Structures are given as C-alpha cells and as structure tokens.
Amino acid sequence: MRKGSVKEALAKIKYDPRENEEDYFVIIEHRGAYGDIKKIPVRVIELGHGYFFVGETQIPYHRIIKVVRKDGRVVWERRKRA
C-alpha cells in the first residue's frame, strides 16, 4: 500500500500512462476543523513542491490522509502516529 511519499504516489497516478487519474481521489483533513474530511478527485489537482493546488487554492501534502481508487482500494495512507 504505502510506498514512498504521497507526492510520489500522486505523480505516478498523474503521469504514468498506465494509470487513469479519473479513477483516484485524495482524502484530506480540512484545515482548522478536526474531523472535517474532504474528497478531491486527482484529476483536478496540480502538483507543487510542498503543496498541491486545486484551482487557486494551495493545500499542503501533510493534510492528505489517504489516496484511494473509486473502488475504495487505498493506494497510499498516512502513517498513524504512535
């Protein structure tokens, strides 16, 4: 499941011709609202260095909880804190 950074996982989904970015979503924790979860299609995001962008909005990679396929399979998940 979790191999490398979330940015590496997203880059593979977006740029590998064997993948279809339409099949993936990122699940993020919305800033300032613990437990407020948002689901964003990978097709609408642009990758940056410390952030990804949804339109004009910058979202830091550390807000990503997991990356999932439409079928619910988790392809990357943030490590649980001990």
Protein backbone atom coordinates (compact mmCIF):
# COMPACT_ATOMS: atom_id res chain seq x y z
CA MET A 1 0.00 0.00 0.00
CA ARG A 2 2.27 2.82 1.21
CA LYS A 3 5.42 3.09 -0.87
CA GLY A 4 7.28 6.39 -0.85
CA SER A 5 5.82 9.82 -0.31
CA VAL A 6 2.32 10.93 -1.16
CA LYS A 7 3.77 13.23 -3.81
CA GLU A 8 5.45 10.23 -5.48
CA ALA A 9 2.18 8.29 -5.40
CA LEU A 10 0.27 11.21 -6.95
CA ALA A 11 2.95 11.78 -9.60
CA LYS A 12 2.68 8.13 -10.62
CA ILE A 13 -1.11 8.41 -10.90
CA LYS A 14 -0.98 11.67 -12.86
CA TYR A 15 1.95 10.97 -15.20
CA ASP A 16 2.19 7.20 -15.68
CA PRO A 17 0.32 6.38 -18.92
CA ARG A 18 -0.79 3.04 -17.42
CA GLU A 19 -2.81 4.90 -14.76
CA ASN A 20 -6.08 6.78 -15.24
CA GLU A 21 -6.24 9.76 -12.88
CA GLU A 22 -10.03 9.73 -13.23
CA ASP A 23 -10.03 6.60 -11.03
CA TYR A 24 -8.44 8.26 -7.96
CA PHE A 25 -9.28 10.63 -5.13
CA VAL A 26 -7.30 12.24 -2.32
CA ILE A 27 -8.89 12.36 1.11
CA ILE A 28 -7.78 15.40 3.11
CA GLU A 29 -8.38 16.77 6.56
CA HIS A 30 -9.71 20.29 6.14
CA ARG A 31 -7.66 22.96 7.91
CA GLY A 32 -8.90 24.18 11.25
CA ALA A 33 -11.69 21.65 11.53
CA TYR A 34 -10.57 18.38 13.10
CA GLY A 35 -12.56 15.55 11.60
CA ASP A 36 -13.76 17.64 8.63
CA ILE A 37 -12.80 15.38 5.71
CA LYS A 38 -12.90 16.34 2.02
CA LYS A 39 -12.67 14.05 -1.02
CA ILE A 40 -10.94 15.62 -4.04
CA PRO A 41 -10.60 13.99 -7.49
CA VAL A 42 -6.96 13.64 -8.51
CA ARG A 43 -7.84 14.92 -12.00
CA VAL A 44 -8.45 18.45 -10.62
CA ILE A 45 -5.18 18.81 -8.72
CA GLU A 46 -1.82 20.17 -9.86
CA LEU A 47 1.32 19.06 -8.04
CA GLY A 48 3.69 21.58 -6.48
CA HIS A 49 6.74 21.30 -4.21
CA GLY A 50 5.27 21.47 -0.69
CA TYR A 51 1.68 21.87 -1.79
CA PHE A 52 -0.78 20.69 -4.36
CA PHE A 53 -3.25 23.06 -5.98
CA VAL A 54 -6.97 22.89 -6.59
CA GLY A 55 -7.53 25.91 -8.78
CA GLU A 56 -6.01 28.83 -6.87
CA THR A 57 -6.13 27.03 -3.52
CA GLN A 58 -2.86 25.65 -2.07
CA ILE A 59 -3.17 22.57 0.11
CA PRO A 60 -0.10 21.14 1.87
CA TYR A 61 0.66 17.47 1.26
CA HIS A 62 0.62 16.80 5.02
CA ARG A 63 -3.17 17.33 5.01
CA ILE A 64 -3.63 14.23 2.85
CA ILE A 65 -4.91 11.29 4.88
CA LYS A 66 -5.05 8.81 2.01
CA VAL A 67 -5.25 8.28 -1.73
CA VAL A 68 -7.99 5.91 -2.85
CA ARG A 69 -9.36 4.39 -6.04
CA LYS A 70 -13.02 4.70 -7.00
CA ASP A 71 -13.47 1.09 -5.92
CA GLY A 72 -12.35 2.02 -2.38
CA ARG A 73 -8.88 0.44 -2.56
CA VAL A 74 -6.36 2.51 -0.58
CA VAL A 75 -3.17 3.10 -2.58
CA TRP A 76 -1.42 5.40 -0.07
CA GLU A 77 -2.22 6.18 3.55
CA ARG A 78 -0.60 8.46 6.10
CA ARG A 79 1.21 6.63 8.87
CA LYS A 80 -0.57 6.50 12.18
CA ARG A 81 1.10 8.42 14.99
CA ALA A 82 2.05 6.33 18.00
